[in-house]
C-alpha atoms as a PDB file:
ATOM      1  CA  MET A   1     -27.392  45.426  43.365  1.00  0.00           C
ATOM      2  CA  ILE A   2     -29.801  47.347  41.400  1.00  0.00           C
ATOM      3  CA  LEU A   3     -27.711  50.464  41.753  1.00  0.00           C
ATOM      4  CA  GLN A   4     -24.608  48.595  40.661  1.00  0.00           C
ATOM      5  CA  GLN A   5     -26.443  47.274  37.579  1.00  0.00           C
ATOM      6  CA  LYS A   6     -27.470  50.842  36.626  1.00  0.00           C
ATOM      7  CA  LYS A   7     -23.874  51.989  36.842  1.00  0.00           C
ATOM      8  CA  GLU A   8     -22.787  49.312  34.441  1.00  0.00           C
ATOM      9  CA  VAL A   9     -25.623  49.913  32.078  1.00  0.00           C
ATOM     10  CA  ILE A  10     -25.896  53.528  31.607  1.00  0.00           C
ATOM     11  CA  PRO A  11     -22.502  54.279  30.155  1.00  0.00           C
ATOM     12  CA  HIS A  12     -23.220  51.631  27.427  1.00  0.00           C
ATOM     13  CA  LEU A  13     -26.673  52.971  26.830  1.00  0.00           C
ATOM     14  CA  ALA A  14     -25.093  56.316  26.341  1.00  0.00           C
ATOM     15  CA  ALA A  15     -22.679  54.883  23.817  1.00  0.00           C
ATOM     16  CA  ALA A  16     -25.601  53.263  22.012  1.00  0.00           C
ATOM     17  CA  MET A  17     -27.146  56.511  21.349  1.00  0.00           C
ATOM     18  CA  SER A  18     -24.410  57.311  18.765  1.00  0.00           C
ATOM     19  CA  LEU A  19     -25.411  53.979  16.756  1.00  0.00           C
ATOM     20  CA  PRO A  20     -28.098  53.920  14.059  1.00  0.00           C
ATOM     21  CA  ALA A  21     -31.612  53.611  15.187  1.00  0.00           C
ATOM     22  CA  TRP A  22     -31.930  50.101  13.932  1.00  0.00           C
ATOM     23  CA  LEU A  23     -29.069  48.858  16.003  1.00  0.00           C
ATOM     24  CA  ARG A  24     -29.883  50.813  19.304  1.00  0.00           C
ATOM     25  CA  SER A  25     -32.504  48.380  20.561  1.00  0.00           C
ATOM     26  CA  THR A  26     -30.432  45.232  19.929  1.00  0.00           C
ATOM     27  CA  TYR A  27     -27.290  46.756  21.565  1.00  0.00           C
ATOM     28  CA  SER A  28     -29.240  47.784  24.581  1.00  0.00           C
ATOM     29  CA  VAL A  29     -30.789  44.505  25.150  1.00  0.00           C
ATOM     30  CA  ILE A  30     -27.439  42.816  24.829  1.00  0.00           C
ATOM     31  CA  VAL A  31     -25.782  45.353  27.340  1.00  0.00           C
ATOM     32  CA  TYR A  32     -28.587  44.848  29.830  1.00  0.00           C
ATOM     33  CA  LEU A  33     -28.402  41.113  29.683  1.00  0.00           C
ATOM     34  CA  HIS A  34     -24.669  41.082  30.325  1.00  0.00           C
ATOM     35  CA  ALA A  35     -24.992  43.495  33.074  1.00  0.00           C
ATOM     36  CA  THR A  36     -27.743  41.731  34.982  1.00  0.00           C
ATOM     37  CA  LYS A  37     -26.174  38.124  34.123  1.00  0.00           C
ATOM     38  CA  GLY A  38     -29.526  36.808  32.938  1.00  0.00           C
ATOM     39  CA  GLN A  39     -31.397  37.526  36.264  1.00  0.00           C
ATOM     40  CA  GLY A  40     -34.547  39.183  36.879  1.00  0.00           C
ATOM     41  CA  PHE A  41     -37.901  39.590  35.217  1.00  0.00           C
ATOM     42  CA  LEU A  42     -36.725  41.635  32.392  1.00  0.00           C
ATOM     43  CA  SER A  43     -33.837  39.458  31.590  1.00  0.00           C
ATOM     44  CA  ARG A  44     -35.975  36.445  31.464  1.00  0.00           C
ATOM     45  CA  PHE A  45     -38.315  38.397  29.186  1.00  0.00           C
ATOM     46  CA  PHE A  46     -35.449  39.554  26.852  1.00  0.00           C
ATOM     47  CA  CYS A  47     -34.185  35.859  26.638  1.00  0.00           C
ATOM     48  CA  ARG A  48     -37.573  34.593  25.682  1.00  0.00           C
ATOM     49  CA  VAL A  49     -37.825  37.390  23.009  1.00  0.00           C
ATOM     50  CA  ILE A  50     -34.303  36.314  21.542  1.00  0.00           C
ATOM     51  CA  ARG A  51     -35.080  32.885  21.500  1.00  0.00           C
ATOM     52  CA  LEU A  52     -38.573  33.656  19.534  1.00  0.00           C
ATOM     53  CA  PHE A  53     -36.842  35.862  17.064  1.00  0.00           C
ATOM     54  CA  ARG A  54     -33.518  33.939  17.011  1.00  0.00           C
ATOM     55  CA  TRP A  55     -31.353  37.080  17.505  1.00  0.00           C
ATOM     56  CA  PRO A  56     -27.554  36.424  17.122  1.00  0.00           C
ATOM     57  CA  CYS A  57     -26.462  37.073  20.768  1.00  0.00           C
ATOM     58  CA  VAL A  58     -24.989  35.186  23.534  1.00  0.00           C
ATOM     59  CA  THR A  59     -25.639  35.665  27.314  1.00  0.00           C
ATOM     60  CA  TYR A  60     -22.603  34.514  29.282  1.00  0.00           C
ATOM     61  CA  GLY A  61     -21.894  31.360  27.520  1.00  0.00           C
ATOM     62  CA  MET A  62     -25.315  30.290  26.703  1.00  0.00           C
ATOM     63  CA  ALA A  63     -26.042  30.359  22.866  1.00  0.00           C
ATOM     64  CA  VAL A  64     -29.612  31.614  22.352  1.00  0.00           C
ATOM     65  CA  SER A  65     -31.179  29.686  19.506  1.00  0.00           C
ATOM     66  CA  GLY A  66     -34.580  28.254  18.480  1.00  0.00           C
ATOM     67  CA  PRO A  67     -35.958  25.013  19.747  1.00  0.00           C
ATOM     68  CA  LYS A  68     -33.915  21.781  18.727  1.00  0.00           C
ATOM     69  CA  GLU A  69     -35.409  20.015  15.850  1.00  0.00           C
ATOM     70  CA  LYS A  70     -36.051  16.198  16.382  1.00  0.00           C
ATOM     71  CA  THR A  71     -33.783  14.037  14.293  1.00  0.00           C
ATOM     72  CA  LEU A  72     -34.806  10.898  12.278  1.00  0.00           C
ATOM     73  CA  ILE A  73     -31.777   9.104  13.507  1.00  0.00           C
ATOM     74  CA  GLY A  74     -32.953   9.374  17.163  1.00  0.00           C
ATOM     75  CA  LYS A  75     -36.413   8.014  16.216  1.00  0.00           C
ATOM     76  CA  GLU A  76     -34.796   4.978  14.289  1.00  0.00           C
ATOM     77  CA  ARG A  77     -32.564   4.125  17.257  1.00  0.00           C
ATOM     78  CA  LYS A  78     -35.524   4.152  19.744  1.00  0.00           C
ATOM     79  CA  GLN A  79     -37.567   1.812  17.373  1.00  0.00           C
ATOM     80  CA  ASP A  80     -34.691  -0.480  17.023  1.00  0.00           C
ATOM     81  CA  GLN A  81     -34.710  -0.923  20.762  1.00  0.00           C
ATOM     82  CA  VAL A  82     -36.376  -4.136  22.310  1.00  0.00           C
ATOM     83  CA  ARG A  83     -38.778  -3.539  25.275  1.00  0.00           C
ATOM     84  CA  VAL A  84     -38.171  -5.687  28.170  1.00  0.00           C
ATOM     85  CA  ASN A  85     -40.312  -6.075  31.348  1.00  0.00           C
ATOM     86  CA  GLU A  86     -41.174  -2.863  32.744  1.00  0.00           C
ATOM     87  CA  ASP A  87     -40.307  -0.991  29.483  1.00  0.00           C
ATOM     88  CA  ILE A  88     -43.336  -2.412  27.729  1.00  0.00           C
ATOM     89  CA  ARG A  89     -45.976   0.268  27.537  1.00  0.00           C
ATOM     90  CA  ALA A  90     -48.934  -1.412  25.884  1.00  0.00           C
ATOM     91  CA  ARG A  91     -52.099  -1.925  27.954  1.00  0.00           C
ATOM     92  CA  GLN A  92     -52.474  -5.611  26.947  1.00  0.00           C
ATOM     93  CA  VAL A  93     -50.140  -7.949  25.300  1.00  0.00           C
ATOM     94  CA  ARG A  94     -50.460 -11.439  23.840  1.00  0.00           C
ATOM     95  CA  VAL A  95     -48.075 -13.725  25.966  1.00  0.00           C
ATOM     96  CA  ILE A  96     -45.939 -16.869  24.560  1.00  0.00           C
ATOM     97  CA  ASP A  97     -44.292 -18.829  27.033  1.00  0.00           C
ATOM     98  CA  GLU A  98     -40.743 -20.354  26.698  1.00  0.00           C
ATOM     99  CA  GLU A  99     -41.872 -23.458  25.067  1.00  0.00           C
ATOM    100  CA  GLY A 100     -43.953 -21.564  22.272  1.00  0.00           C
ATOM    101  CA  THR A 101     -47.442 -22.114  24.127  1.00  0.00           C
ATOM    102  CA  GLN A 102     -49.771 -19.230  24.130  1.00  0.00           C
ATOM    103  CA  LEU A 103     -50.889 -18.042  27.322  1.00  0.00           C
ATOM    104  CA  GLY A 104     -53.427 -15.705  26.072  1.00  0.00           C
ATOM    105  CA  ILE A 105     -53.958 -11.928  26.369  1.00  0.00           C
ATOM    106  CA  MET A 106     -53.162 -10.210  29.688  1.00  0.00           C
ATOM    107  CA  SER A 107     -51.928  -7.053  31.140  1.00  0.00           C
ATOM    108  CA  PRO A 108     -48.248  -6.303  31.162  1.00  0.00           C
ATOM    109  CA  ARG A 109     -48.032  -6.374  34.891  1.00  0.00           C
ATOM    110  CA  ASP A 110     -49.512  -9.826  34.996  1.00  0.00           C
ATOM    111  CA  ALA A 111     -47.301 -11.214  32.145  1.00  0.00           C
ATOM    112  CA  ILE A 112     -44.211  -9.947  33.965  1.00  0.00           C
ATOM    113  CA  ARG A 113     -45.126 -11.528  37.109  1.00  0.00           C
ATOM    114  CA  GLU A 114     -45.628 -14.732  35.277  1.00  0.00           C
ATOM    115  CA  ALA A 115     -42.285 -14.427  33.718  1.00  0.00           C
ATOM    116  CA  LEU A 116     -40.588 -13.731  36.810  1.00  0.00           C
ATOM    117  CA  ASN A 117     -42.140 -16.643  38.536  1.00  0.00           C
ATOM    118  CA  ARG A 118     -40.557 -18.887  35.897  1.00  0.00           C
ATOM    119  CA  GLY A 119     -37.366 -17.318  36.282  1.00  0.00           C
ATOM    120  CA  PHE A 120     -37.293 -15.475  32.738  1.00  0.00           C
ATOM    121  CA  ASP A 121     -37.843 -12.169  31.204  1.00  0.00           C
ATOM    122  CA  LEU A 122     -40.853 -10.601  29.216  1.00  0.00           C
ATOM    123  CA  VAL A 123     -39.708  -9.417  25.842  1.00  0.00           C
ATOM    124  CA  GLU A 124     -41.625  -7.611  23.280  1.00  0.00           C
ATOM    125  CA  VAL A 125     -40.968  -9.508  19.971  1.00  0.00           C
ATOM    126  CA  ALA A 126     -43.786  -7.950  17.751  1.00  0.00           C
ATOM    127  CA  PRO A 127     -44.479  -4.455  18.839  1.00  0.00           C
ATOM    128  CA  GLY A 128     -46.463  -3.805  15.599  1.00  0.00           C
ATOM    129  CA  ALA A 129     -49.045  -6.493  16.268  1.00  0.00           C
ATOM    130  CA  VAL A 130     -52.462  -5.651  17.836  1.00  0.00           C
ATOM    131  CA  PRO A 131     -51.980  -6.238  20.717  1.00  0.00           C
ATOM    132  CA  PRO A 132     -48.191  -6.657  20.846  1.00  0.00           C
ATOM    133  CA  VAL A 133     -46.729 -10.078  21.179  1.00  0.00           C
ATOM    134  CA  CYS A 134     -44.431 -10.858  24.121  1.00  0.00           C
ATOM    135  CA  ARG A 135     -42.393 -13.901  24.684  1.00  0.00           C
ATOM    136  CA  ILE A 136     -41.188 -15.186  28.000  1.00  0.00           C
ATOM    137  CA  MET A 137     -37.466 -16.112  27.737  1.00  0.00           C
ATOM    138  CA  ASP A 138     -34.031 -15.372  28.885  1.00  0.00           C
ATOM    139  CA  TYR A 139     -33.254 -11.983  27.370  1.00  0.00           C
ATOM    140  CA  GLY A 140     -29.428 -12.315  28.027  1.00  0.00           C
ATOM    141  CA  LYS A 141     -29.265 -15.533  26.088  1.00  0.00           C
ATOM    142  CA  TYR A 142     -31.526 -14.036  23.317  1.00  0.00           C
ATOM    143  CA  ARG A 143     -29.117 -11.062  22.953  1.00  0.00           C
ATOM    144  CA  TYR A 144     -26.112 -13.452  22.929  1.00  0.00           C
ATOM    145  CA  GLU A 145     -27.695 -15.626  20.249  1.00  0.00           C
ATOM    146  CA  GLN A 146     -28.594 -12.623  18.035  1.00  0.00           C
ATOM    147  CA  LYS A 147     -24.881 -11.394  18.139  1.00  0.00           C
ATOM    148  CA  ARG A 148     -23.553 -14.720  17.507  1.00  0.00           C
ATOM    149  CA  ARG A 149     -25.729 -15.241  14.409  1.00  0.00           C
ATOM    150  CA  ALA A 150     -24.892 -11.855  13.116  1.00  0.00           C
ATOM    151  CA  ARG A 151     -21.186 -12.602  13.630  1.00  0.00           C
ATOM    152  CA  GLU A 152     -21.485 -15.931  11.588  1.00  0.00           C
ATOM    153  CA  ALA A 153     -23.488 -14.185   8.867  1.00  0.00           C
ATOM    154  CA  ARG A 154     -20.691 -11.655   8.356  1.00  0.00           C
ATOM    155  CA  LYS A 155     -18.149 -14.280   8.617  1.00  0.00           C
ATOM    156  CA  ASN A 156     -19.841 -16.391   5.711  1.00  0.00           C
ATOM    157  CA  GLN A 157     -20.718 -13.375   3.575  1.00  0.00           C
ATOM    158  CA  HIS A 158     -18.688 -13.102   0.381  1.00  0.00           C
ATOM    159  CA  THR A 159     -18.729  -9.721  -1.327  1.00  0.00           C
ATOM    160  CA  VAL A 160     -18.578  -9.993  -5.069  1.00  0.00           C
ATOM    161  CA  SER A 161     -16.447  -7.181  -6.520  1.00  0.00           C
ATOM    162  CA  VAL A 162     -15.735  -6.282 -10.174  1.00  0.00           C
ATOM    163  CA  LYS A 163     -11.978  -6.527 -11.106  1.00  0.00           C
ATOM    164  CA  GLU A 164     -10.645  -4.817 -14.232  1.00  0.00           C
ATOM    165  CA  MET A 165      -7.822  -6.087 -16.559  1.00  0.00           C
ATOM    166  CA  LYS A 166      -6.605  -3.756 -19.233  1.00  0.00           C
ATOM    167  CA  TYR A 167      -5.183  -4.822 -22.647  1.00  0.00           C
ATOM    168  CA  ARG A 168      -3.915  -3.173 -25.740  1.00  0.00           C
ATOM    169  CA  PRO A 169      -4.507  -4.258 -29.265  1.00  0.00           C
ATOM    170  CA  LYS A 170      -0.802  -4.778 -29.947  1.00  0.00           C
ATOM    171  CA  ILE A 171       0.072  -6.430 -26.799  1.00  0.00           C
ATOM    172  CA  ASP A 172       2.840  -9.181 -26.923  1.00  0.00           C
ATOM    173  CA  LYS A 173       2.578 -12.735 -25.867  1.00  0.00           C
ATOM    174  CA  HIS A 174       4.404 -12.432 -22.429  1.00  0.00           C
ATOM    175  CA  ASP A 175       2.191  -9.601 -21.311  1.00  0.00           C
ATOM    176  CA  PHE A 176      -0.892 -11.345 -22.504  1.00  0.00           C
ATOM    177  CA  ASP A 177      -0.186 -14.348 -20.541  1.00  0.00           C
ATOM    178  CA  PHE A 178       0.838 -12.458 -17.400  1.00  0.00           C
ATOM    179  CA  LYS A 179      -2.426 -10.534 -17.446  1.00  0.00           C
ATOM    180  CA  THR A 180      -4.510 -13.652 -18.305  1.00  0.00           C
ATOM    181  CA  ASN A 181      -3.177 -15.294 -15.415  1.00  0.00           C
ATOM    182  CA  HIS A 182      -4.355 -12.684 -13.114  1.00  0.00           C
ATOM    183  CA  VAL A 183      -7.814 -12.683 -14.686  1.00  0.00           C
ATOM    184  CA  ARG A 184      -7.940 -16.477 -13.926  1.00  0.00           C
ATOM    185  CA  ALA A 185      -6.981 -15.690 -10.329  1.00  0.00           C
ATOM    186  CA  PHE A 186      -9.751 -13.151 -10.054  1.00  0.00           C
ATOM    187  CA  LEU A 187     -12.377 -15.494 -11.428  1.00  0.00           C
ATOM    188  CA  LYS A 188     -11.116 -18.346  -9.116  1.00  0.00           C
ATOM    189  CA  ASP A 189     -11.711 -15.961  -6.038  1.00  0.00           C
ATOM    190  CA  GLY A 190     -15.277 -15.491  -7.266  1.00  0.00           C
ATOM    191  CA  ASN A 191     -14.871 -12.097  -8.516  1.00  0.00           C
ATOM    192  CA  LYS A 192     -16.284 -10.611 -11.716  1.00  0.00           C
ATOM    193  CA  VAL A 193     -13.619  -9.395 -14.160  1.00  0.00           C
ATOM    194  CA  ARG A 194     -13.961  -6.586 -16.834  1.00  0.00           C
ATOM    195  CA  ILE A 195     -11.731  -7.109 -19.781  1.00  0.00           C
ATOM    196  CA  THR A 196     -10.947  -3.627 -21.357  1.00  0.00           C
ATOM    197  CA  ILE A 197      -9.269  -3.067 -24.623  1.00  0.00           C
ATOM    198  CA  MET A 198      -7.710   0.583 -24.844  1.00  0.00           C
ATOM    199  CA  PHE A 199      -7.442   1.903 -28.376  1.00  0.00           C
ATOM    200  CA  ARG A 200      -5.235   5.043 -29.258  1.00  0.00           C
ATOM    201  CA  GLY A 201      -5.311   7.249 -32.341  1.00  0.00           C
ATOM    202  CA  ARG A 202      -5.727   5.182 -35.639  1.00  0.00           C
ATOM    203  CA  GLU A 203      -6.090   1.875 -33.802  1.00  0.00           C
ATOM    204  CA  MET A 204      -9.791   2.929 -33.635  1.00  0.00           C
ATOM    205  CA  ALA A 205     -10.019   1.953 -37.385  1.00  0.00           C
ATOM    206  CA  HIS A 206      -9.191  -1.673 -36.637  1.00  0.00           C
ATOM    207  CA  GLN A 207     -11.453  -2.641 -33.834  1.00  0.00           C
ATOM    208  CA  GLU A 208     -11.167  -6.256 -34.921  1.00  0.00           C
ATOM    209  CA  PHE A 209      -7.805  -6.508 -33.169  1.00  0.00           C
ATOM    210  CA  GLY A 210      -9.386  -5.899 -29.818  1.00  0.00           C
ATOM    211  CA  ARG A 211     -12.036  -8.376 -30.548  1.00  0.00           C
ATOM    212  CA  ASP A 212      -9.448 -10.942 -31.210  1.00  0.00           C
ATOM    213  CA  ILE A 213      -7.833 -10.133 -27.904  1.00  0.00           C
ATOM    214  CA  ILE A 214     -11.105 -10.611 -26.060  1.00  0.00           C
ATOM    215  CA  GLN A 215     -11.746 -13.734 -27.695  1.00  0.00           C
ATOM    216  CA  LYS A 216      -8.391 -15.279 -26.673  1.00  0.00           C
ATOM    217  CA  VAL A 217      -8.967 -14.175 -23.034  1.00  0.00           C
ATOM    218  CA  ILE A 218     -12.480 -15.884 -23.137  1.00  0.00           C
ATOM    219  CA  GLU A 219     -10.851 -19.120 -24.480  1.00  0.00           C
ATOM    220  CA  ALA A 220      -8.144 -18.965 -21.812  1.00  0.00           C
ATOM    221  CA  THR A 221     -10.658 -18.736 -19.080  1.00  0.00           C
ATOM    222  CA  ALA A 222     -13.569 -20.723 -20.479  1.00  0.00           C
ATOM    223  CA  ASP A 223     -13.329 -23.415 -17.770  1.00  0.00           C
ATOM    224  CA  LEU A 224     -13.924 -20.725 -15.055  1.00  0.00           C
ATOM    225  CA  CYS A 225     -16.556 -18.449 -16.661  1.00  0.00           C
ATOM    226  CA  ALA A 226     -20.413 -19.150 -16.383  1.00  0.00           C
ATOM    227  CA  GLY A 227     -22.376 -19.125 -19.534  1.00  0.00           C
ATOM    228  CA  ASP A 228     -21.372 -18.764 -23.249  1.00  0.00           C
ATOM    229  CA  CYS A 229     -19.116 -15.521 -23.777  1.00  0.00           C
ATOM    230  CA  SER A 230     -18.251 -14.191 -27.204  1.00  0.00           C
ATOM    231  CA  ALA A 231     -16.221 -11.227 -28.392  1.00  0.00           C
ATOM    232  CA  ASN A 232     -19.298 -10.055 -30.183  1.00  0.00           C
ATOM    233  CA  LEU A 233     -20.985  -9.210 -26.916  1.00  0.00           C
ATOM    234  CA  ALA A 234     -18.086  -6.633 -26.269  1.00  0.00           C
ATOM    235  CA  LYS A 235     -19.335  -3.038 -26.096  1.00  0.00           C
ATOM    236  CA  MET A 236     -17.590   0.271 -27.197  1.00  0.00           C
ATOM    237  CA  GLU A 237     -17.371   2.896 -24.578  1.00  0.00           C
ATOM    238  CA  GLY A 238     -15.593   5.816 -26.196  1.00  0.00           C
ATOM    239  CA  ARG A 239     -12.084   4.605 -27.132  1.00  0.00           C
ATOM    240  CA  ASN A 240     -12.354   1.389 -24.908  1.00  0.00           C
ATOM    241  CA  MET A 241     -14.026  -1.903 -25.670  1.00  0.00           C
ATOM    242  CA  SER A 242     -15.136  -4.056 -22.628  1.00  0.00           C
ATOM    243  CA  ILE A 243     -16.775  -7.071 -21.631  1.00  0.00           C
ATOM    244  CA  VAL A 244     -17.570  -8.650 -18.097  1.00  0.00           C
ATOM    245  CA  LEU A 245     -16.651 -12.118 -17.419  1.00  0.00           C
ATOM    246  CA  THR A 246     -18.810 -13.836 -14.678  1.00  0.00           C
ATOM    247  CA  PRO A 247     -17.180 -16.641 -12.625  1.00  0.00           C
ATOM    248  CA  ALA A 248     -18.694 -20.189 -12.451  1.00  0.00           C
ATOM    249  CA  LYS A 249     -20.505 -20.932  -9.170  1.00  0.00           C
END
């Protein structure tokens, strides 16, 4: 075995002598590791040196790198987990039974025994308290209720988005009515609407035309808007004049 390794290593070491001095040691270590397949005392020693200095080499499919850094995501996932029964690590816990009555402070082993005698589980509900608070309950039913409440909360949740409708100062009556009907539909759905008047070229010299359009839109949607809106509240942003209409609750 050793003789075979020497026969594989010596030709490569001879070839390494033609390399610059700063490459010889690294090349020799890589050749030795490939020849010995990571076995033996020297191989283990070189692997530790490579891990220490993070040399860019690979030994038979094993990438040598530094120690893995702990991620914050993993810590957050562990903190989100609920400890149940044997997973509770505190020395003493405050126990509450299934009816809400406090049973006092006891060891986790005694608390688990009490929960099992009642046919329930011991769940850690307040791990940050001193001592941690545990409750005797049916853990399966508890998880089911949590998922059901979260599902109902997502179902009843309404996301308010800001829609935008653009007008021109010289818009004709048909286009104005068509766009304003869309604005009313957005307000009925509970969305905010940004009314934007776009000016071009010399239209910037007659901004009062844009304010007149905004005032007409406000009057056409007054029954659906909250508060008192006025075209004087419109703001100029570059070549655009805009105002946000809020739906009435």
